Amino acid sequence: MADRTASVTWKGSLMDGWGTIERVGSGAFGPLDVTWASRAEDPDGRTSPEELIAAAHAACFSMALSHGLAQAGTPPERLETSATVTFVPGTGITKIALTVRGSVPGIDEAAFIEAAQSAKENCPVSKALAAVPEITLDAGLA
């Protein structure tokens, strides 16, 4: 079991206020500024919860896909993954689009797409985000 932590300070109202992701338990990053505008308008150098979700989802998916490919005897040389999280004010997160291109010796396109689909369905972050109405996947070999 592993617990991961983050600490945030928020000052002011939602629309006019601002926050700071002060630190994460690992010390890997922080402080990071966050505002409503960075979430729903122009980021202007600040992050948003959705951007952090996109990073977490892309990383988790890549780890799951790498593991699945290695378990099948075809470890990847390289996976390039991006995640785009769509946030609609008043509604919430409506879509996540995952895109992955892989360099994987000894595998054909169909097997890669199948492995990517399994990773999308089974990575822990995908499971945590199961309430998102639409999660798409565009997978292919580089």
C-alpha atoms as a PDB file:
ATOM      1  CA  MET A   1       0.000   0.000   0.000  1.00  0.00           C
ATOM      2  CA  ALA A   2       1.187   3.523  -0.764  1.00  0.00           C
ATOM      3  CA  ASP A   3      -0.364   6.836   0.219  1.00  0.00           C
ATOM      4  CA  ARG A   4       0.437   9.934  -1.824  1.00  0.00           C
ATOM      5  CA  THR A   5      -0.221  13.454  -0.599  1.00  0.00           C
ATOM      6  CA  ALA A   6      -0.537  16.995  -1.869  1.00  0.00           C
ATOM      7  CA  SER A   7      -1.142  20.239  -0.002  1.00  0.00           C
ATOM      8  CA  VAL A   8      -3.045  23.197  -1.457  1.00  0.00           C
ATOM      9  CA  THR A   9      -3.808  26.684  -0.148  1.00  0.00           C
ATOM     10  CA  TRP A  10      -6.718  28.670  -1.659  1.00  0.00           C
ATOM     11  CA  LYS A  11      -7.383  32.365  -1.057  1.00  0.00           C
ATOM     12  CA  GLY A  12     -10.552  34.220  -2.016  1.00  0.00           C
ATOM     13  CA  SER A  13     -13.611  33.305  -4.023  1.00  0.00           C
ATOM     14  CA  LEU A  14     -13.676  30.805  -6.875  1.00  0.00           C
ATOM     15  CA  MET A  15     -13.738  33.377  -9.682  1.00  0.00           C
ATOM     16  CA  ASP A  16     -11.417  36.001  -8.188  1.00  0.00           C
ATOM     17  CA  GLY A  17      -9.254  33.893  -5.919  1.00  0.00           C
ATOM     18  CA  TRP A  18      -6.150  31.847  -6.489  1.00  0.00           C
ATOM     19  CA  GLY A  19      -4.516  28.822  -5.069  1.00  0.00           C
ATOM     20  CA  THR A  20      -1.149  27.225  -4.761  1.00  0.00           C
ATOM     21  CA  ILE A  21      -0.348  23.558  -4.858  1.00  0.00           C
ATOM     22  CA  GLU A  22       2.219  24.033  -2.118  1.00  0.00           C
ATOM     23  CA  ARG A  23       3.911  20.675  -2.283  1.00  0.00           C
ATOM     24  CA  VAL A  24       3.517  17.020  -2.951  1.00  0.00           C
ATOM     25  CA  GLY A  25       4.756  14.349  -0.598  1.00  0.00           C
ATOM     26  CA  SER A  26       7.530  13.229  -2.933  1.00  0.00           C
ATOM     27  CA  GLY A  27       8.884  16.758  -3.306  1.00  0.00           C
ATOM     28  CA  ALA A  28       8.833  16.288  -7.104  1.00  0.00           C
ATOM     29  CA  PHE A  29       7.044  19.569  -7.711  1.00  0.00           C
ATOM     30  CA  GLY A  30       5.515  22.605  -6.106  1.00  0.00           C
ATOM     31  CA  PRO A  31       4.668  25.271  -5.643  1.00  0.00           C
ATOM     32  CA  LEU A  32       2.297  25.514  -8.641  1.00  0.00           C
ATOM     33  CA  ASP A  33      -0.255  28.298  -9.020  1.00  0.00           C
ATOM     34  CA  VAL A  34      -3.863  27.476  -9.898  1.00  0.00           C
ATOM     35  CA  THR A  35      -6.802  29.790 -10.684  1.00  0.00           C
ATOM     36  CA  TRP A  36     -10.299  29.575 -12.119  1.00  0.00           C
ATOM     37  CA  ALA A  37      -9.015  31.259 -15.286  1.00  0.00           C
ATOM     38  CA  SER A  38      -6.318  28.603 -15.667  1.00  0.00           C
ATOM     39  CA  ARG A  39      -9.082  26.028 -15.459  1.00  0.00           C
ATOM     40  CA  ALA A  40     -11.705  27.516 -17.759  1.00  0.00           C
ATOM     41  CA  GLU A  41      -9.995  30.216 -19.814  1.00  0.00           C
ATOM     42  CA  ASP A  42      -6.345  31.100 -20.495  1.00  0.00           C
ATOM     43  CA  PRO A  43      -3.840  29.207 -18.320  1.00  0.00           C
ATOM     44  CA  ASP A  44      -1.387  32.142 -18.377  1.00  0.00           C
ATOM     45  CA  GLY A  45       1.400  30.025 -16.872  1.00  0.00           C
ATOM     46  CA  ARG A  46      -0.766  28.448 -14.177  1.00  0.00           C
ATOM     47  CA  THR A  47      -2.016  24.876 -13.928  1.00  0.00           C
ATOM     48  CA  SER A  48      -5.441  23.374 -13.296  1.00  0.00           C
ATOM     49  CA  PRO A  49      -6.801  20.218 -11.704  1.00  0.00           C
ATOM     50  CA  GLU A  50      -7.628  18.971 -15.207  1.00  0.00           C
ATOM     51  CA  GLU A  51      -4.065  19.477 -16.430  1.00  0.00           C
ATOM     52  CA  LEU A  52      -2.799  17.478 -13.475  1.00  0.00           C
ATOM     53  CA  ILE A  53      -5.381  14.766 -14.198  1.00  0.00           C
ATOM     54  CA  ALA A  54      -4.177  14.674 -17.818  1.00  0.00           C
ATOM     55  CA  ALA A  55      -0.583  14.207 -16.654  1.00  0.00           C
ATOM     56  CA  ALA A  56      -1.562  11.498 -14.187  1.00  0.00           C
ATOM     57  CA  HIS A  57      -3.689   9.657 -16.748  1.00  0.00           C
ATOM     58  CA  ALA A  58      -1.004   9.763 -19.471  1.00  0.00           C
ATOM     59  CA  ALA A  59       1.632   8.499 -17.039  1.00  0.00           C
ATOM     60  CA  CYS A  60      -0.525   5.731 -15.576  1.00  0.00           C
ATOM     61  CA  PHE A  61      -1.719   4.581 -18.998  1.00  0.00           C
ATOM     62  CA  SER A  62       1.880   4.468 -20.281  1.00  0.00           C
ATOM     63  CA  MET A  63       2.975   2.414 -17.293  1.00  0.00           C
ATOM     64  CA  ALA A  64       0.078  -0.028 -17.728  1.00  0.00           C
ATOM     65  CA  LEU A  65       0.691  -0.376 -21.464  1.00  0.00           C
ATOM     66  CA  SER A  66       4.428  -0.881 -20.951  1.00  0.00           C
ATOM     67  CA  HIS A  67       3.720  -3.596 -18.400  1.00  0.00           C
ATOM     68  CA  GLY A  68       1.149  -5.349 -20.588  1.00  0.00           C
ATOM     69  CA  LEU A  69       3.456  -5.334 -23.590  1.00  0.00           C
ATOM     70  CA  ALA A  70       6.379  -6.665 -21.541  1.00  0.00           C
ATOM     71  CA  GLN A  71       4.185  -9.399 -20.036  1.00  0.00           C
ATOM     72  CA  ALA A  72       3.289 -10.436 -23.602  1.00  0.00           C
ATOM     73  CA  GLY A  73       6.990 -10.695 -24.485  1.00  0.00           C
ATOM     74  CA  THR A  74       7.147  -7.494 -26.518  1.00  0.00           C
ATOM     75  CA  PRO A  75       8.480  -4.735 -24.256  1.00  0.00           C
ATOM     76  CA  PRO A  76       8.305  -1.296 -25.835  1.00  0.00           C
ATOM     77  CA  GLU A  77      11.359   0.698 -26.793  1.00  0.00           C
ATOM     78  CA  ARG A  78       9.346   3.911 -26.462  1.00  0.00           C
ATOM     79  CA  LEU A  79       5.793   5.046 -25.801  1.00  0.00           C
ATOM     80  CA  GLU A  80       4.698   8.629 -26.423  1.00  0.00           C
ATOM     81  CA  THR A  81       1.370   9.330 -24.736  1.00  0.00           C
ATOM     82  CA  SER A  82      -0.730  12.451 -24.417  1.00  0.00           C
ATOM     83  CA  ALA A  83      -3.992  12.980 -22.597  1.00  0.00           C
ATOM     84  CA  THR A  84      -6.399  15.834 -23.213  1.00  0.00           C
ATOM     85  CA  VAL A  85      -8.980  16.475 -20.495  1.00  0.00           C
ATOM     86  CA  THR A  86     -12.032  18.501 -21.547  1.00  0.00           C
ATOM     87  CA  PHE A  87     -13.560  20.630 -18.782  1.00  0.00           C
ATOM     88  CA  VAL A  88     -16.918  22.345 -19.253  1.00  0.00           C
ATOM     89  CA  PRO A  89     -17.725  24.972 -16.592  1.00  0.00           C
ATOM     90  CA  GLY A  90     -20.939  24.058 -14.809  1.00  0.00           C
ATOM     91  CA  THR A  91     -20.761  20.472 -16.042  1.00  0.00           C
ATOM     92  CA  GLY A  92     -17.306  19.165 -15.171  1.00  0.00           C
ATOM     93  CA  ILE A  93     -14.964  16.848 -17.010  1.00  0.00           C
ATOM     94  CA  THR A  94     -16.790  15.614 -20.087  1.00  0.00           C
ATOM     95  CA  LYS A  95     -14.081  13.824 -22.035  1.00  0.00           C
ATOM     96  CA  ILE A  96     -10.560  12.480 -21.900  1.00  0.00           C
ATOM     97  CA  ALA A  97      -8.726  11.716 -25.134  1.00  0.00           C
ATOM     98  CA  LEU A  98      -5.679   9.471 -24.897  1.00  0.00           C
ATOM     99  CA  THR A  99      -3.236   9.276 -27.797  1.00  0.00           C
ATOM    100  CA  VAL A 100      -0.284   6.894 -27.877  1.00  0.00           C
ATOM    101  CA  ARG A 101       2.361   6.089 -30.437  1.00  0.00           C
ATOM    102  CA  GLY A 102       4.674   3.218 -29.699  1.00  0.00           C
ATOM    103  CA  SER A 103       7.889   1.775 -30.928  1.00  0.00           C
ATOM    104  CA  VAL A 104       7.515  -1.902 -30.094  1.00  0.00           C
ATOM    105  CA  PRO A 105       9.654  -4.503 -31.863  1.00  0.00           C
ATOM    106  CA  GLY A 106       7.944  -7.763 -32.718  1.00  0.00           C
ATOM    107  CA  ILE A 107       4.327  -6.587 -32.561  1.00  0.00           C
ATOM    108  CA  ASP A 108       1.823  -5.683 -35.248  1.00  0.00           C
ATOM    109  CA  GLU A 109      -0.578  -2.733 -35.219  1.00  0.00           C
ATOM    110  CA  ALA A 110      -3.628  -4.808 -34.225  1.00  0.00           C
ATOM    111  CA  ALA A 111      -1.868  -6.360 -31.215  1.00  0.00           C
ATOM    112  CA  PHE A 112      -0.580  -2.935 -30.143  1.00  0.00           C
ATOM    113  CA  ILE A 113      -4.064  -1.426 -30.325  1.00  0.00           C
ATOM    114  CA  GLU A 114      -5.469  -4.356 -28.337  1.00  0.00           C
ATOM    115  CA  ALA A 115      -2.798  -3.912 -25.639  1.00  0.00           C
ATOM    116  CA  ALA A 116      -3.467  -0.159 -25.550  1.00  0.00           C
ATOM    117  CA  GLN A 117      -7.201  -0.735 -25.156  1.00  0.00           C
ATOM    118  CA  SER A 118      -6.559  -3.085 -22.243  1.00  0.00           C
ATOM    119  CA  ALA A 119      -4.271  -0.504 -20.609  1.00  0.00           C
ATOM    120  CA  LYS A 120      -6.932   2.187 -21.060  1.00  0.00           C
ATOM    121  CA  GLU A 121      -9.546   0.024 -19.353  1.00  0.00           C
ATOM    122  CA  ASN A 122      -7.334  -1.262 -16.554  1.00  0.00           C
ATOM    123  CA  CYS A 123      -4.879   1.408 -15.465  1.00  0.00           C
ATOM    124  CA  PRO A 124      -5.745   2.618 -11.949  1.00  0.00           C
ATOM    125  CA  VAL A 125      -6.280   6.225 -13.060  1.00  0.00           C
ATOM    126  CA  SER A 126      -8.700   5.142 -15.808  1.00  0.00           C
ATOM    127  CA  LYS A 127     -10.618   3.176 -13.204  1.00  0.00           C
ATOM    128  CA  ALA A 128     -10.659   6.182 -10.861  1.00  0.00           C
ATOM    129  CA  LEU A 129     -12.023   8.319 -13.710  1.00  0.00           C
ATOM    130  CA  ALA A 130     -14.743   5.858 -14.714  1.00  0.00           C
ATOM    131  CA  ALA A 131     -17.450   8.503 -14.178  1.00  0.00           C
ATOM    132  CA  VAL A 132     -16.108  10.581 -17.083  1.00  0.00           C
ATOM    133  CA  PRO A 133     -18.729  10.222 -19.851  1.00  0.00           C
ATOM    134  CA  GLU A 134     -16.225   9.629 -22.649  1.00  0.00           C
ATOM    135  CA  ILE A 135     -12.664   8.332 -22.667  1.00  0.00           C
ATOM    136  CA  THR A 136     -11.263   7.805 -26.153  1.00  0.00           C
ATOM    137  CA  LEU A 137      -8.098   6.165 -27.373  1.00  0.00           C
ATOM    138  CA  ASP A 138      -6.074   6.758 -30.529  1.00  0.00           C
ATOM    139  CA  ALA A 139      -3.305   4.149 -30.578  1.00  0.00           C
ATOM    140  CA  GLY A 140      -0.805   3.202 -33.231  1.00  0.00           C
ATOM    141  CA  LEU A 141       2.742   2.178 -33.875  1.00  0.00           C
ATOM    142  CA  ALA A 142       5.223   4.941 -34.613  1.00  0.00           C
END
